[in-house]
């Protein structure tokens, strides 16, 4: 504050300083000022005297001298007065200086007073904070004492009122579900029916008739039904034998398990009667029957029917022995296995299957609270309920149950609100329709018939508002030579490239917004789809009964898919923007499904009758107009597809050969003519490209070195004559505006694009560690003979076979139809089902993880150390390049950092780099955040959180579970981060 007033008075009174030396300097300046002031007055007076006219001579002179003397006296007096005035001024200045000094002194006093008050205030705050801290510590101690007291009471009660099983308990519903799933798989392996296994048709039919499954379509259908029937037979045999064993009076005292079960059930009845018929009300008495049941059957579930320790040896349990003998005898009567090693292996599985079935169905299910319902079987011809039943079905639509191979297991099954499904029933179903399934590819388009696809082209009116034509009719027509006699076509095409990850200068220029072009095209093709469907099925409600499958390039981001979904909705093809009646699949995945269902079956290495080609690896090269996508898949049994390597894609489709053609013309004719045609006469440019494709690109196979085509620019693009100048014009005029496209010129147009495709294939094969069995070329560009020959030349030594399916241009759309048939319609929309089993695994293109706080230690960067001694690092959960199963989870457990922490926020990151330490490094991308509340503050640090990532088909689900109270949180991200 002193500085402020010093500056203020300096501004008003001139430069002042309390320093003596400065004051002396100021005084000296004042003296000079006074002398100068007197001199200026005298000089003025002399000037006035010299310029005053005289009034006469003689007396006048005398008078003048006298007057002059008087004037001098007046001047001296005036000088004295002036000197006095200067003394007064100096005095006033000194007074002001004293006032300033006094004010400064006052300010210093005030500053001291402010400092004193501030110190007093800080001391008071510190005192209050200390009192509050002491109060908090006291309350924490009270809480801790209360917790200890509650814990002692709870311990004294034997935790009688807590029926929840811990996450570590093997009878926890999650672990129980996993064990039941494992049992299901073991049953499938035990009941397997292979071509090498002989079937006793009489015994097999007896079992099928037992379950009313006497109808089947073919040998493959028969074996599938038999396998399901055998699984049910094995389960029912074990369950029936166990019930008889426990009811047999002769065995109740024979072995421990029956004795314990018998005594437990009697004790539970008595304890319930005790609680009912004895006065009083307490938690221990009321809860004891439940706790007894849980604890006793948990013990039996762990060790019941284990091998028996008898004197000095360990022998199999008598019940297991007897049941195993009956089971193997019946199984061997149905199927005949000639390989003794396989027979021994299968027979040895029986004992453990019996033990697991008894422990799960008779013991571990009784540990649940409330107790699980008895297993429930679905009957033959029951309607399939997707919520209660699952299975691998032979057909794409399920209607009624053929056979239930594993029962439904759950709690409160008859109460839909309280129902808890532990394991849905497993079944084999068949299609129940009035028509045979047919796949039809449309061949009727505007202006043409017999083509499987039409052109993605639009023709707008002059204002670019309304569509005049689309598809083939929208293509540019042959231009006329006469000036002013033709309508200038302005076709709009290649607008889908705006959805790709391309540089802006590589995207085509459009007269309308690309979203408008996409929406308008979808609206026009949608009219054709609706007309075609209503012609065959007049009563169809399009938005309700029709499922749309849209294939997209593998490189499309989530943003691109959302734009497509928005355009489909705006085109009137869906009733709502998030409609489940619109589903996406990638083009290479659709191609892989098509090749799996058709091409592999037609290939030479399908050797056995049940179509099992385990671990066959095949590569799909989807060469389209704009992009080329590659995917390498492994075919597992039951038509399951696994991804071997990361998908690859690039913008090197056939349209880029068209671009090479335009670049060639620019080099020959100059850039200006081609740029003018592209901007002002695009219709003629498009027609010229059409003629190039028809006469050069399509027929070129690279075999004939004498290949040549004369392109008549005057015919295909007459307007070009207006813009070509100089030597280029002279050359063209000499050749009648004809340019020869010979073998080397055309080859040089193809090779930059083809070489990129071949390099992609080589990298894909390098990345697949196993030898690829077959390579399929699909998509429109795959019909190019030159592309086919180059790929075979470069890659035939690395794969067993390279082939092109019949009508490869339709492979993707037909694969999309099979993809759609893999879904089932439900009352609430569309539920993915078969696809989950088709796409078994994928390869991650990113490393995924979270930001994790840990104690800072020596060697860690000091600048990353937080005030409380922690450091944030990247903690990977799933690494790039790893093959993961669909719905596979990657989890880890963590604890809060602070006792009073009320929430944890997980930050999920991804990166394409192999090694990262910190989440703020270049290349690290934040996918999102997931927050979970921690309300149980009294537990301090003892609050375990389970966090994980689950990789679905096209998305990642991040989830977190509070193990203390069971709260569950989740959020979803795209599997591949937007570029």
Foldseek 3Di string as FASTA:
>chain_A
DLVVVQVVVCVVPNDDDPDPVVVVVVVVVLVVVLVVVLVVVVVVVVVVVVPDDFDDPDVSVVVVVVVVVVVVVVSVVVSVVVVVVSVVVVVVVVVVVVVSVVVSVVVVVVVVVVVVVVVVVVVVVVVVVVVVVVVVVVVLVVLVVVVVVVVVVCVVLVVLPDLQDFPPQCLHLVNLLVLVVVLVVLLLVLLDDFPLKDFPVVLLCVLLVVQPQNDADDPLRSRVSSSLSLLQVLLVLLVVLVVCQLPDPVNCPPDDVSVLVVVLVVVLVVLVVCVVPDDDDDSSSVRVSLVSLQVSLSVCLVCNQHWDDDDPDTHGRPSLVVSLVVSLVSSCVGIPNPDVVVSVVSSVSSSVSSSNSCSSQPRSQSNDVVRKDHFAFDGFFAFDDVVQEFEQEPFLEFGGFSGFRATWIWHPCVDPVPTDTSDHIYTYGDDDDPDDDDDDQAQDDVPGGRDSDWAQKFWAPPVNPDTPDGTPVLAFDWDDLDPPPDDFTDMDHPLLCVQAPDDPVPRADDPDNSLVSLLNSLLVVLVVVVVVVCVVVVPDDQQAPAAAEDEAAPRGFPVSVLSNLVSCVSSVNHPDSPALSYYYDYLQVLLVLLCLVPVVVPDDPQDGDNRADAQAKEKEWAAAAFKTKIWIWGAGPPQAIFTQWAIDMDGQHNVQLLVLVLVVVCVLQNDVLSVCCVVPRVSLVSQLSVVCCVQPQQVDQLPDQFDKDKRQCCGSPVVSLVPGDDPSNVVCVVVNNIDMCGSVNSCVSPVVSLVVSLVVVVVVCVSRPDQHAEYEYAYDRSSRNNSVVVNCVSPVVRYVYYYYDDNRNCSSVVSSVVLVSNWYADPVHIDHGNVLRHHFKHFAQKWKFWWDKDADDPPPDPVQQDPVRIGIWTDTFGHGGDIDTAFDKGKDKDWDPWLQDFKDKIWMWIFNDHDGIHQPDPRIGTQGIWMDTDHPSSVGRPWMKMWMWTHHDFKIKTKIATSVPGDIDIDIGGSDHDD
